N, C-alpha and C. Protein backbone atom coordinates (compact mmCIF):
# COMPACT_ATOMS: atom_id res chain seq x y z
N MET A 1 -13.45 -13.86 26.31
CA MET A 1 -13.06 -13.70 24.92
C MET A 1 -11.97 -12.63 24.86
N SER A 2 -10.95 -12.87 24.07
CA SER A 2 -9.85 -11.91 23.99
C SER A 2 -10.25 -10.69 23.16
N GLU A 3 -9.52 -9.61 23.36
CA GLU A 3 -9.79 -8.39 22.60
C GLU A 3 -9.56 -8.60 21.11
N ALA A 4 -8.55 -9.38 20.77
CA ALA A 4 -8.28 -9.66 19.36
C ALA A 4 -9.45 -10.40 18.72
N THR A 5 -10.06 -11.32 19.46
CA THR A 5 -11.21 -12.06 18.95
C THR A 5 -12.40 -11.13 18.75
N LEU A 6 -12.62 -10.23 19.69
CA LEU A 6 -13.73 -9.28 19.56
C LEU A 6 -13.54 -8.38 18.34
N LEU A 7 -12.32 -7.91 18.13
CA LEU A 7 -12.07 -7.07 16.96
C LEU A 7 -12.21 -7.86 15.67
N LEU A 8 -11.76 -9.10 15.67
CA LEU A 8 -11.90 -9.95 14.48
C LEU A 8 -13.38 -10.17 14.15
N LEU A 9 -14.18 -10.43 15.17
CA LEU A 9 -15.62 -10.62 14.94
C LEU A 9 -16.26 -9.35 14.39
N ALA A 10 -15.80 -8.19 14.86
CA ALA A 10 -16.31 -6.92 14.33
C ALA A 10 -15.96 -6.78 12.86
N VAL A 11 -14.72 -7.12 12.50
CA VAL A 11 -14.29 -7.03 11.11
C VAL A 11 -15.08 -7.99 10.23
N LEU A 12 -15.41 -9.15 10.77
CA LEU A 12 -16.14 -10.17 10.00
C LEU A 12 -17.64 -9.90 9.91
N GLY A 13 -18.09 -8.75 10.41
CA GLY A 13 -19.49 -8.39 10.25
C GLY A 13 -20.23 -8.09 11.53
N GLY A 14 -19.56 -8.18 12.64
CA GLY A 14 -20.22 -7.93 13.92
C GLY A 14 -20.02 -6.53 14.46
N SER A 15 -19.67 -5.60 13.58
CA SER A 15 -19.38 -4.24 14.05
C SER A 15 -20.60 -3.54 14.63
N VAL A 16 -21.77 -3.82 14.10
CA VAL A 16 -22.99 -3.20 14.63
C VAL A 16 -23.23 -3.67 16.07
N GLY A 17 -23.10 -4.97 16.30
CA GLY A 17 -23.28 -5.51 17.65
C GLY A 17 -22.23 -4.99 18.62
N ALA A 18 -20.99 -4.88 18.15
CA ALA A 18 -19.93 -4.35 19.00
C ALA A 18 -20.20 -2.88 19.33
N TRP A 19 -20.64 -2.12 18.36
CA TRP A 19 -20.93 -0.70 18.59
C TRP A 19 -22.10 -0.54 19.57
N VAL A 20 -23.13 -1.38 19.43
CA VAL A 20 -24.26 -1.35 20.37
C VAL A 20 -23.77 -1.69 21.77
N GLY A 21 -22.90 -2.69 21.89
CA GLY A 21 -22.35 -3.04 23.19
C GLY A 21 -21.61 -1.90 23.84
N ILE A 22 -20.87 -1.15 23.03
CA ILE A 22 -20.14 0.00 23.55
C ILE A 22 -21.11 1.10 23.99
N LYS A 23 -22.11 1.38 23.17
CA LYS A 23 -23.03 2.48 23.46
C LYS A 23 -24.04 2.16 24.56
N VAL A 24 -24.62 0.98 24.54
CA VAL A 24 -25.69 0.64 25.48
C VAL A 24 -25.13 0.20 26.83
N TRP A 25 -24.16 -0.71 26.79
CA TRP A 25 -23.65 -1.29 28.04
C TRP A 25 -22.31 -0.70 28.45
N HIS A 26 -21.80 0.28 27.70
CA HIS A 26 -20.52 0.93 28.00
C HIS A 26 -19.40 -0.09 28.17
N HIS A 27 -19.44 -1.13 27.34
CA HIS A 27 -18.44 -2.19 27.39
C HIS A 27 -17.22 -1.79 26.57
N LYS A 28 -16.06 -1.88 27.16
CA LYS A 28 -14.78 -1.59 26.51
C LYS A 28 -14.65 -0.12 26.10
N THR A 29 -15.30 0.79 26.79
CA THR A 29 -15.26 2.20 26.41
C THR A 29 -13.94 2.87 26.75
N MET A 30 -13.16 2.30 27.64
CA MET A 30 -11.88 2.91 28.03
C MET A 30 -10.74 2.48 27.10
N HIS A 31 -10.96 1.48 26.28
CA HIS A 31 -9.94 1.00 25.36
C HIS A 31 -10.02 1.77 24.05
N LYS A 32 -8.95 2.49 23.71
CA LYS A 32 -8.96 3.32 22.49
C LYS A 32 -9.19 2.50 21.24
N LYS A 33 -8.65 1.27 21.20
CA LYS A 33 -8.82 0.47 19.99
C LYS A 33 -10.28 0.07 19.79
N PHE A 34 -11.07 0.05 20.84
CA PHE A 34 -12.50 -0.22 20.71
C PHE A 34 -13.27 1.09 20.54
N LYS A 35 -12.91 2.11 21.29
CA LYS A 35 -13.61 3.39 21.23
C LYS A 35 -13.54 4.01 19.84
N TYR A 36 -12.38 3.87 19.18
CA TYR A 36 -12.22 4.43 17.85
C TYR A 36 -12.21 3.37 16.74
N GLY A 37 -11.77 2.17 17.07
CA GLY A 37 -11.65 1.11 16.08
C GLY A 37 -12.98 0.57 15.61
N ILE A 38 -13.90 0.33 16.55
CA ILE A 38 -15.21 -0.22 16.17
C ILE A 38 -15.97 0.75 15.27
N PRO A 39 -16.07 2.04 15.63
CA PRO A 39 -16.75 2.96 14.69
C PRO A 39 -16.04 3.04 13.34
N ALA A 40 -14.71 2.97 13.33
CA ALA A 40 -13.98 3.00 12.05
C ALA A 40 -14.31 1.77 11.22
N ILE A 41 -14.33 0.60 11.85
CA ILE A 41 -14.68 -0.63 11.14
C ILE A 41 -16.10 -0.53 10.59
N LEU A 42 -17.01 -0.02 11.40
CA LEU A 42 -18.41 0.13 10.98
C LEU A 42 -18.52 1.05 9.77
N LEU A 43 -17.82 2.18 9.81
CA LEU A 43 -17.87 3.12 8.68
C LEU A 43 -17.27 2.51 7.42
N ILE A 44 -16.18 1.77 7.57
CA ILE A 44 -15.57 1.11 6.42
C ILE A 44 -16.54 0.09 5.83
N GLN A 45 -17.22 -0.67 6.69
CA GLN A 45 -18.17 -1.66 6.20
C GLN A 45 -19.35 -1.00 5.51
N ILE A 46 -19.83 0.11 6.04
CA ILE A 46 -20.94 0.84 5.39
C ILE A 46 -20.49 1.37 4.04
N ALA A 47 -19.29 1.95 3.98
CA ALA A 47 -18.77 2.47 2.72
C ALA A 47 -18.59 1.35 1.70
N LEU A 48 -18.09 0.21 2.15
CA LEU A 48 -17.90 -0.93 1.26
C LEU A 48 -19.23 -1.44 0.72
N MET A 49 -20.23 -1.52 1.59
CA MET A 49 -21.55 -1.97 1.15
C MET A 49 -22.16 -0.99 0.16
N ALA A 50 -22.00 0.31 0.40
CA ALA A 50 -22.52 1.31 -0.53
C ALA A 50 -21.81 1.22 -1.87
N PHE A 51 -20.50 1.04 -1.84
CA PHE A 51 -19.72 0.91 -3.07
C PHE A 51 -20.17 -0.32 -3.86
N LEU A 52 -20.30 -1.43 -3.17
CA LEU A 52 -20.73 -2.65 -3.85
C LEU A 52 -22.14 -2.53 -4.40
N HIS A 53 -23.02 -1.88 -3.64
CA HIS A 53 -24.39 -1.69 -4.09
C HIS A 53 -24.46 -0.83 -5.35
N MET A 54 -23.63 0.18 -5.41
CA MET A 54 -23.63 1.09 -6.56
C MET A 54 -23.00 0.46 -7.79
N ASN A 55 -22.12 -0.51 -7.61
CA ASN A 55 -21.36 -1.07 -8.73
C ASN A 55 -21.78 -2.46 -9.15
N LEU A 56 -22.82 -2.99 -8.59
CA LEU A 56 -23.27 -4.32 -9.00
C LEU A 56 -24.54 -4.26 -9.81
């Protein structure tokens, strides 16, 4: 699977699984776009869910 596909899947809701893969299996830990991008995507998704929860 390409790196672009992995990042797209994280953006589409798979950020928790991607983050677990990085932390548990040390997968893609040397790639900065995964090391910093996946946690950033996860935080954005958490913030978005909190915002939507508060405003619905």
